[in-house]
Amino acid sequence: MFDAYVLRRRVTMETIFDQLKILSGTAFMTQKYSPITSILFFLHR
């Protein structure tokens, strides 16, 4: 039997990692930011 909380949490983590990959990739391609800088920049907006 599926635990809805665990499933939702796993999906959330995967979504976060996808966002971070896209974010760090885009920042690296455009501005040459480090992933941490891009994360802070993203959280600041």
PDB file of N, CA and C in Angstrom:
ATOM      1  N   MET A   1       0.850  -1.198   0.000  1.00  0.00           N
ATOM      2  CA  MET A   1       0.000   0.000   0.000  1.00  0.00           C
ATOM      3  C   MET A   1       0.888   1.251   0.000  1.00  0.00           C
ATOM      4  N   PHE A   2       0.548   2.188  -0.874  1.00  0.00           N
ATOM      5  CA  PHE A   2       1.370   3.388  -1.008  1.00  0.00           C
ATOM      6  C   PHE A   2       1.132   4.358   0.133  1.00  0.00           C
ATOM      7  N   ASP A   3       2.213   4.928   0.609  1.00  0.00           N
ATOM      8  CA  ASP A   3       2.097   5.994   1.601  1.00  0.00           C
ATOM      9  C   ASP A   3       2.089   7.312   0.844  1.00  0.00           C
ATOM     10  N   ALA A   4       0.972   8.006   0.902  1.00  0.00           N
ATOM     11  CA  ALA A   4       0.808   9.226   0.107  1.00  0.00           C
ATOM     12  C   ALA A   4       1.829  10.288   0.497  1.00  0.00           C
ATOM     13  N   TYR A   5       2.146  10.356   1.779  1.00  0.00           N
ATOM     14  CA  TYR A   5       3.108  11.365   2.239  1.00  0.00           C
ATOM     15  C   TYR A   5       4.497  11.108   1.653  1.00  0.00           C
ATOM     16  N   VAL A   6       4.930   9.841   1.689  1.00  0.00           N
ATOM     17  CA  VAL A   6       6.255   9.501   1.163  1.00  0.00           C
ATOM     18  C   VAL A   6       6.291   9.751  -0.343  1.00  0.00           C
ATOM     19  N   LEU A   7       5.216   9.354  -1.033  1.00  0.00           N
ATOM     20  CA  LEU A   7       5.154   9.551  -2.474  1.00  0.00           C
ATOM     21  C   LEU A   7       5.218  11.036  -2.816  1.00  0.00           C
ATOM     22  N   ARG A   8       4.430  11.841  -2.115  1.00  0.00           N
ATOM     23  CA  ARG A   8       4.409  13.277  -2.378  1.00  0.00           C
ATOM     24  C   ARG A   8       5.765  13.898  -2.074  1.00  0.00           C
ATOM     25  N   ARG A   9       6.386  13.438  -0.991  1.00  0.00           N
ATOM     26  CA  ARG A   9       7.687  13.981  -0.627  1.00  0.00           C
ATOM     27  C   ARG A   9       8.745  13.624  -1.666  1.00  0.00           C
ATOM     28  N   ARG A  10       8.669  12.396  -2.181  1.00  0.00           N
ATOM     29  CA  ARG A  10       9.634  11.991  -3.202  1.00  0.00           C
ATOM     30  C   ARG A  10       9.462  12.828  -4.469  1.00  0.00           C
ATOM     31  N   VAL A  11       8.221  13.045  -4.860  1.00  0.00           N
ATOM     32  CA  VAL A  11       7.951  13.862  -6.040  1.00  0.00           C
ATOM     33  C   VAL A  11       8.446  15.287  -5.816  1.00  0.00           C
ATOM     34  N   THR A  12       8.238  15.795  -4.597  1.00  0.00           N
ATOM     35  CA  THR A  12       8.691  17.145  -4.283  1.00  0.00           C
ATOM     36  C   THR A  12      10.206  17.238  -4.386  1.00  0.00           C
ATOM     37  N   MET A  13      10.917  16.257  -3.848  1.00  0.00           N
ATOM     38  CA  MET A  13      12.369  16.272  -3.901  1.00  0.00           C
ATOM     39  C   MET A  13      12.862  16.204  -5.345  1.00  0.00           C
ATOM     40  N   GLU A  14      12.235  15.352  -6.154  1.00  0.00           N
ATOM     41  CA  GLU A  14      12.631  15.240  -7.556  1.00  0.00           C
ATOM     42  C   GLU A  14      12.383  16.553  -8.288  1.00  0.00           C
ATOM     43  N   THR A  15      11.244  17.198  -7.980  1.00  0.00           N
ATOM     44  CA  THR A  15      10.943  18.480  -8.604  1.00  0.00           C
ATOM     45  C   THR A  15      11.972  19.521  -8.205  1.00  0.00           C
ATOM     46  N   ILE A  16      12.345  19.551  -6.924  1.00  0.00           N
ATOM     47  CA  ILE A  16      13.346  20.502  -6.442  1.00  0.00           C
ATOM     48  C   ILE A  16      14.678  20.263  -7.146  1.00  0.00           C
ATOM     49  N   PHE A  17      15.082  18.999  -7.256  1.00  0.00           N
ATOM     50  CA  PHE A  17      16.362  18.693  -7.909  1.00  0.00           C
ATOM     51  C   PHE A  17      16.320  19.073  -9.380  1.00  0.00           C
ATOM     52  N   ASP A  18      15.168  18.836 -10.045  1.00  0.00           N
ATOM     53  CA  ASP A  18      15.039  19.248 -11.443  1.00  0.00           C
ATOM     54  C   ASP A  18      15.166  20.761 -11.569  1.00  0.00           C
ATOM     55  N   GLN A  19      14.493  21.482 -10.673  1.00  0.00           N
ATOM     56  CA  GLN A  19      14.578  22.947 -10.693  1.00  0.00           C
ATOM     57  C   GLN A  19      16.006  23.409 -10.479  1.00  0.00           C
ATOM     58  N   LEU A  20      16.712  22.776  -9.537  1.00  0.00           N
ATOM     59  CA  LEU A  20      18.095  23.168  -9.262  1.00  0.00           C
ATOM     60  C   LEU A  20      18.996  22.888 -10.456  1.00  0.00           C
ATOM     61  N   LYS A  21      18.765  21.748 -11.115  1.00  0.00           N
ATOM     62  CA  LYS A  21      19.575  21.418 -12.286  1.00  0.00           C
ATOM     63  C   LYS A  21      19.345  22.430 -13.397  1.00  0.00           C
ATOM     64  N   ILE A  22      18.065  22.764 -13.646  1.00  0.00           N
ATOM     65  CA  ILE A  22      17.745  23.750 -14.679  1.00  0.00           C
ATOM     66  C   ILE A  22      18.318  25.104 -14.299  1.00  0.00           C
ATOM     67  N   LEU A  23      18.150  25.465 -13.029  1.00  0.00           N
ATOM     68  CA  LEU A  23      18.599  26.775 -12.561  1.00  0.00           C
ATOM     69  C   LEU A  23      20.115  26.901 -12.658  1.00  0.00           C
ATOM     70  N   SER A  24      20.837  25.936 -12.125  1.00  0.00           N
ATOM     71  CA  SER A  24      22.295  26.002 -12.147  1.00  0.00           C
ATOM     72  C   SER A  24      22.814  25.900 -13.575  1.00  0.00           C
ATOM     73  N   GLY A  25      22.167  25.081 -14.400  1.00  0.00           N
ATOM     74  CA  GLY A  25      22.579  24.965 -15.799  1.00  0.00           C
ATOM     75  C   GLY A  25      22.391  26.273 -16.547  1.00  0.00           C
ATOM     76  N   THR A  26      21.227  26.904 -16.356  1.00  0.00           N
ATOM     77  CA  THR A  26      20.952  28.164 -17.029  1.00  0.00           C
ATOM     78  C   THR A  26      21.899  29.249 -16.552  1.00  0.00           C
ATOM     79  N   ALA A  27      22.107  29.323 -15.234  1.00  0.00           N
ATOM     80  CA  ALA A  27      23.003  30.345 -14.682  1.00  0.00           C
ATOM     81  C   ALA A  27      24.429  30.130 -15.175  1.00  0.00           C
ATOM     82  N   PHE A  28      24.841  28.859 -15.269  1.00  0.00           N
ATOM     83  CA  PHE A  28      26.201  28.572 -15.725  1.00  0.00           C
ATOM     84  C   PHE A  28      26.368  28.955 -17.195  1.00  0.00           C
ATOM     85  N   MET A  29      25.347  28.669 -17.993  1.00  0.00           N
ATOM     86  CA  MET A  29      25.436  28.969 -19.420  1.00  0.00           C
ATOM     87  C   MET A  29      25.419  30.473 -19.671  1.00  0.00           C
ATOM     88  N   THR A  30      24.667  31.222 -18.875  1.00  0.00           N
ATOM     89  CA  THR A  30      24.483  32.640 -19.170  1.00  0.00           C
ATOM     90  C   THR A  30      25.475  33.507 -18.406  1.00  0.00           C
ATOM     91  N   GLN A  31      25.542  33.340 -17.078  1.00  0.00           N
ATOM     92  CA  GLN A  31      26.288  34.269 -16.245  1.00  0.00           C
ATOM     93  C   GLN A  31      27.518  33.644 -15.603  1.00  0.00           C
ATOM     94  N   LYS A  32      27.706  32.331 -15.778  1.00  0.00           N
ATOM     95  CA  LYS A  32      28.822  31.625 -15.163  1.00  0.00           C
ATOM     96  C   LYS A  32      28.753  31.706 -13.626  1.00  0.00           C
ATOM     97  N   TYR A  33      27.524  31.717 -13.103  1.00  0.00           N
ATOM     98  CA  TYR A  33      27.369  31.680 -11.650  1.00  0.00           C
ATOM     99  C   TYR A  33      27.643  30.273 -11.145  1.00  0.00           C
ATOM    100  N   SER A  34      28.033  30.176  -9.887  1.00  0.00           N
ATOM    101  CA  SER A  34      28.091  28.871  -9.248  1.00  0.00           C
ATOM    102  C   SER A  34      26.675  28.463  -8.860  1.00  0.00           C
ATOM    103  N   PRO A  35      26.394  27.156  -8.697  1.00  0.00           N
ATOM    104  CA  PRO A  35      25.058  26.714  -8.304  1.00  0.00           C
ATOM    105  C   PRO A  35      24.559  27.388  -7.032  1.00  0.00           C
ATOM    106  N   ILE A  36      25.447  27.567  -6.051  1.00  0.00           N
ATOM    107  CA  ILE A  36      25.018  28.182  -4.793  1.00  0.00           C
ATOM    108  C   ILE A  36      24.585  29.626  -5.037  1.00  0.00           C
ATOM    109  N   THR A  37      25.352  30.342  -5.863  1.00  0.00           N
ATOM    110  CA  THR A  37      25.003  31.726  -6.158  1.00  0.00           C
ATOM    111  C   THR A  37      23.661  31.795  -6.875  1.00  0.00           C
ATOM    112  N   SER A  38      23.441  30.881  -7.815  1.00  0.00           N
ATOM    113  CA  SER A  38      22.183  30.889  -8.547  1.00  0.00           C
ATOM    114  C   SER A  38      21.015  30.547  -7.628  1.00  0.00           C
ATOM    115  N   ILE A  39      21.248  29.646  -6.672  1.00  0.00           N
ATOM    116  CA  ILE A  39      20.192  29.301  -5.711  1.00  0.00           C
ATOM    117  C   ILE A  39      19.845  30.526  -4.860  1.00  0.00           C
ATOM    118  N   LEU A  40      20.869  31.199  -4.360  1.00  0.00           N
ATOM    119  CA  LEU A  40      20.622  32.387  -3.549  1.00  0.00           C
ATOM    120  C   LEU A  40      19.932  33.462  -4.372  1.00  0.00           C
ATOM    121  N   PHE A  41      20.365  33.612  -5.612  1.00  0.00           N
ATOM    122  CA  PHE A  41      19.755  34.601  -6.498  1.00  0.00           C
ATOM    123  C   PHE A  41      18.293  34.256  -6.745  1.00  0.00           C
ATOM    124  N   PHE A  42      18.018  32.951  -6.945  1.00  0.00           N
ATOM    125  CA  PHE A  42      16.654  32.506  -7.192  1.00  0.00           C
ATOM    126  C   PHE A  42      15.776  32.743  -5.960  1.00  0.00           C
ATOM    127  N   LEU A  43      16.322  32.463  -4.769  1.00  0.00           N
ATOM    128  CA  LEU A  43      15.541  32.642  -3.543  1.00  0.00           C
ATOM    129  C   LEU A  43      15.310  34.118  -3.247  1.00  0.00           C
ATOM    130  N   HIS A  44      16.213  34.964  -3.724  1.00  0.00           N
ATOM    131  CA  HIS A  44      16.102  36.388  -3.422  1.00  0.00           C
ATOM    132  C   HIS A  44      14.986  37.063  -4.202  1.00  0.00           C
ATOM    133  N   ARG A  45      14.655  36.537  -5.408  1.00  0.00           N
ATOM    134  CA  ARG A  45      13.688  37.217  -6.247  1.00  0.00           C
ATOM    135  C   ARG A  45      12.272  37.108  -5.727  1.00  0.00           C
TER     136      ARG A  45
END
